[in-house]
Amino acid sequence: MGNDLVIANNQQADNIKDAIYEIRGQKVMLDRDLAIIYGVET
């Protein structure tokens, strides 16, 4: 059961990493991606 939590966290981390973009040398996240992560509306 503990391994399932680690796998879920790794998948979540990968999803978050995929939502980080580099624009003009700055790492940014779009508001829609942050809203999904935090479960709120933009």
PDB file of N, CA and C in Angstrom:
ATOM      1  N   MET A   1       0.821  -1.184   0.000  1.00  0.00           N
ATOM      2  CA  MET A   1       0.000   0.000   0.000  1.00  0.00           C
ATOM      3  C   MET A   1       0.867   1.252   0.000  1.00  0.00           C
ATOM      4  N   GLY A   2       1.956   1.279   0.741  1.00  0.00           N
ATOM      5  CA  GLY A   2       2.853   2.423   0.773  1.00  0.00           C
ATOM      6  C   GLY A   2       3.449   2.712  -0.591  1.00  0.00           C
ATOM      7  N   ASN A   3       3.719   1.664  -1.368  1.00  0.00           N
ATOM      8  CA  ASN A   3       4.279   1.852  -2.709  1.00  0.00           C
ATOM      9  C   ASN A   3       3.290   2.541  -3.632  1.00  0.00           C
ATOM     10  N   ASP A   4       2.005   2.287  -3.450  1.00  0.00           N
ATOM     11  CA  ASP A   4       0.979   2.934  -4.275  1.00  0.00           C
ATOM     12  C   ASP A   4       1.025   4.440  -4.096  1.00  0.00           C
ATOM     13  N   LEU A   5       1.237   4.887  -2.867  1.00  0.00           N
ATOM     14  CA  LEU A   5       1.300   6.313  -2.578  1.00  0.00           C
ATOM     15  C   LEU A   5       2.514   6.934  -3.263  1.00  0.00           C
ATOM     16  N   VAL A   6       3.633   6.253  -3.237  1.00  0.00           N
ATOM     17  CA  VAL A   6       4.837   6.755  -3.887  1.00  0.00           C
ATOM     18  C   VAL A   6       4.625   6.854  -5.389  1.00  0.00           C
ATOM     19  N   ILE A   7       3.995   5.866  -5.979  1.00  0.00           N
ATOM     20  CA  ILE A   7       3.722   5.880  -7.418  1.00  0.00           C
ATOM     21  C   ILE A   7       2.785   7.032  -7.757  1.00  0.00           C
ATOM     22  N   ALA A   8       1.745   7.228  -6.960  1.00  0.00           N
ATOM     23  CA  ALA A   8       0.811   8.332  -7.201  1.00  0.00           C
ATOM     24  C   ALA A   8       1.541   9.658  -7.106  1.00  0.00           C
ATOM     25  N   ASN A   9       2.408   9.821  -6.127  1.00  0.00           N
ATOM     26  CA  ASN A   9       3.152  11.065  -5.969  1.00  0.00           C
ATOM     27  C   ASN A   9       4.105  11.279  -7.129  1.00  0.00           C
ATOM     28  N   ASN A  10       4.729  10.235  -7.620  1.00  0.00           N
ATOM     29  CA  ASN A  10       5.627  10.358  -8.767  1.00  0.00           C
ATOM     30  C   ASN A  10       4.847  10.766 -10.007  1.00  0.00           C
ATOM     31  N   GLN A  11       3.665  10.211 -10.195  1.00  0.00           N
ATOM     32  CA  GLN A  11       2.837  10.573 -11.343  1.00  0.00           C
ATOM     33  C   GLN A  11       2.388  12.015 -11.232  1.00  0.00           C
ATOM     34  N   GLN A  12       2.023  12.434 -10.033  1.00  0.00           N
ATOM     35  CA  GLN A  12       1.626  13.821  -9.811  1.00  0.00           C
ATOM     36  C   GLN A  12       2.796  14.747 -10.109  1.00  0.00           C
ATOM     37  N   ALA A  13       3.968  14.395  -9.649  1.00  0.00           N
ATOM     38  CA  ALA A  13       5.149  15.219  -9.882  1.00  0.00           C
ATOM     39  C   ALA A  13       5.442  15.314 -11.375  1.00  0.00           C
ATOM     40  N   ASP A  14       5.298  14.218 -12.086  1.00  0.00           N
ATOM     41  CA  ASP A  14       5.522  14.239 -13.534  1.00  0.00           C
ATOM     42  C   ASP A  14       4.507  15.134 -14.224  1.00  0.00           C
ATOM     43  N   ASN A  15       3.241  15.077 -13.782  1.00  0.00           N
ATOM     44  CA  ASN A  15       2.208  15.932 -14.366  1.00  0.00           C
ATOM     45  C   ASN A  15       2.517  17.402 -14.119  1.00  0.00           C
ATOM     46  N   ILE A  16       2.995  17.713 -12.931  1.00  0.00           N
ATOM     47  CA  ILE A  16       3.336  19.102 -12.619  1.00  0.00           C
ATOM     48  C   ILE A  16       4.532  19.542 -13.441  1.00  0.00           C
ATOM     49  N   LYS A  17       5.524  18.677 -13.564  1.00  0.00           N
ATOM     50  CA  LYS A  17       6.704  19.020 -14.376  1.00  0.00           C
ATOM     51  C   LYS A  17       6.311  19.285 -15.826  1.00  0.00           C
ATOM     52  N   ASP A  18       5.334  18.531 -16.332  1.00  0.00           N
ATOM     53  CA  ASP A  18       4.872  18.733 -17.708  1.00  0.00           C
ATOM     54  C   ASP A  18       4.144  20.060 -17.877  1.00  0.00           C
ATOM     55  N   ALA A  19       3.655  20.635 -16.785  1.00  0.00           N
ATOM     56  CA  ALA A  19       2.908  21.892 -16.843  1.00  0.00           C
ATOM     57  C   ALA A  19       3.818  23.111 -16.689  1.00  0.00           C
ATOM     58  N   ILE A  20       5.114  22.888 -16.491  1.00  0.00           N
ATOM     59  CA  ILE A  20       6.066  23.995 -16.346  1.00  0.00           C
ATOM     60  C   ILE A  20       6.692  24.275 -17.701  1.00  0.00           C
ATOM     61  N   TYR A  21       6.568  25.520 -18.137  1.00  0.00           N
ATOM     62  CA  TYR A  21       7.113  25.936 -19.418  1.00  0.00           C
ATOM     63  C   TYR A  21       8.245  26.929 -19.185  1.00  0.00           C
ATOM     64  N   GLU A  22       9.150  27.005 -20.132  1.00  0.00           N
ATOM     65  CA  GLU A  22      10.202  28.004 -20.043  1.00  0.00           C
ATOM     66  C   GLU A  22       9.956  29.047 -21.125  1.00  0.00           C
ATOM     67  N   ILE A  23       9.756  30.260 -20.687  1.00  0.00           N
ATOM     68  CA  ILE A  23       9.496  31.368 -21.595  1.00  0.00           C
ATOM     69  C   ILE A  23      10.504  32.465 -21.298  1.00  0.00           C
ATOM     70  N   ARG A  24      11.279  32.813 -22.300  1.00  0.00           N
ATOM     71  CA  ARG A  24      12.309  33.858 -22.157  1.00  0.00           C
ATOM     72  C   ARG A  24      13.217  33.605 -20.963  1.00  0.00           C
ATOM     73  N   GLY A  25      13.568  32.351 -20.758  1.00  0.00           N
ATOM     74  CA  GLY A  25      14.497  31.996 -19.698  1.00  0.00           C
ATOM     75  C   GLY A  25      13.870  31.877 -18.316  1.00  0.00           C
ATOM     76  N   GLN A  26      12.559  32.075 -18.200  1.00  0.00           N
ATOM     77  CA  GLN A  26      11.860  31.969 -16.925  1.00  0.00           C
ATOM     78  C   GLN A  26      10.956  30.746 -16.930  1.00  0.00           C
ATOM     79  N   LYS A  27      10.944  30.006 -15.836  1.00  0.00           N
ATOM     80  CA  LYS A  27      10.031  28.876 -15.705  1.00  0.00           C
ATOM     81  C   LYS A  27       8.695  29.408 -15.219  1.00  0.00           C
ATOM     82  N   VAL A  28       7.636  29.069 -15.947  1.00  0.00           N
ATOM     83  CA  VAL A  28       6.304  29.567 -15.617  1.00  0.00           C
ATOM     84  C   VAL A  28       5.279  28.442 -15.690  1.00  0.00           C
ATOM     85  N   MET A  29       4.161  28.676 -15.011  1.00  0.00           N
ATOM     86  CA  MET A  29       3.013  27.777 -15.120  1.00  0.00           C
ATOM     87  C   MET A  29       1.821  28.624 -15.517  1.00  0.00           C
ATOM     88  N   LEU A  30       0.966  28.058 -16.339  1.00  0.00           N
ATOM     89  CA  LEU A  30      -0.227  28.763 -16.769  1.00  0.00           C
ATOM     90  C   LEU A  30      -1.281  28.730 -15.676  1.00  0.00           C
ATOM     91  N   ASP A  31      -2.109  29.765 -15.640  1.00  0.00           N
ATOM     92  CA  ASP A  31      -3.142  29.847 -14.606  1.00  0.00           C
ATOM     93  C   ASP A  31      -4.099  28.665 -14.658  1.00  0.00           C
ATOM     94  N   ARG A  32      -4.393  28.177 -15.847  1.00  0.00           N
ATOM     95  CA  ARG A  32      -5.322  27.042 -15.945  1.00  0.00           C
ATOM     96  C   ARG A  32      -4.723  25.788 -15.323  1.00  0.00           C
ATOM     97  N   ASP A  33      -3.400  25.589 -15.484  1.00  0.00           N
ATOM     98  CA  ASP A  33      -2.746  24.424 -14.893  1.00  0.00           C
ATOM     99  C   ASP A  33      -2.720  24.530 -13.368  1.00  0.00           C
ATOM    100  N   LEU A  34      -2.454  25.716 -12.852  1.00  0.00           N
ATOM    101  CA  LEU A  34      -2.475  25.921 -11.404  1.00  0.00           C
ATOM    102  C   LEU A  34      -3.881  25.717 -10.850  1.00  0.00           C
ATOM    103  N   ALA A  35      -4.884  26.172 -11.583  1.00  0.00           N
ATOM    104  CA  ALA A  35      -6.268  25.998 -11.139  1.00  0.00           C
ATOM    105  C   ALA A  35      -6.619  24.516 -11.058  1.00  0.00           C
ATOM    106  N   ILE A  36      -6.170  23.740 -12.000  1.00  0.00           N
ATOM    107  CA  ILE A  36      -6.428  22.290 -11.977  1.00  0.00           C
ATOM    108  C   ILE A  36      -5.766  21.664 -10.763  1.00  0.00           C
ATOM    109  N   ILE A  37      -4.529  22.025 -10.491  1.00  0.00           N
ATOM    110  CA  ILE A  37      -3.790  21.470  -9.367  1.00  0.00           C
ATOM    111  C   ILE A  37      -4.488  21.796  -8.048  1.00  0.00           C
ATOM    112  N   TYR A  38      -4.941  23.049  -7.912  1.00  0.00           N
ATOM    113  CA  TYR A  38      -5.556  23.491  -6.658  1.00  0.00           C
ATOM    114  C   TYR A  38      -7.066  23.280  -6.618  1.00  0.00           C
ATOM    115  N   GLY A  39      -7.637  22.817  -7.726  1.00  0.00           N
ATOM    116  CA  GLY A  39      -9.055  22.510  -7.747  1.00  0.00           C
ATOM    117  C   GLY A  39      -9.953  23.725  -7.661  1.00  0.00           C
ATOM    118  N   VAL A  40      -9.529  24.804  -8.305  1.00  0.00           N
ATOM    119  CA  VAL A  40     -10.327  26.037  -8.321  1.00  0.00           C
ATOM    120  C   VAL A  40     -10.548  26.467  -9.758  1.00  0.00           C
ATOM    121  N   GLU A  41     -11.420  27.477  -9.932  1.00  0.00           N
ATOM    122  CA  GLU A  41     -11.665  28.018 -11.264  1.00  0.00           C
ATOM    123  C   GLU A  41     -10.732  29.196 -11.512  1.00  0.00           C
ATOM    124  N   THR A  42     -10.446  29.441 -12.776  1.00  0.00           N
ATOM    125  CA  THR A  42      -9.628  30.615 -13.116  1.00  0.00           C
ATOM    126  C   THR A  42     -10.486  31.844 -13.175  1.00  0.00           C
TER     127      THR A  42
END
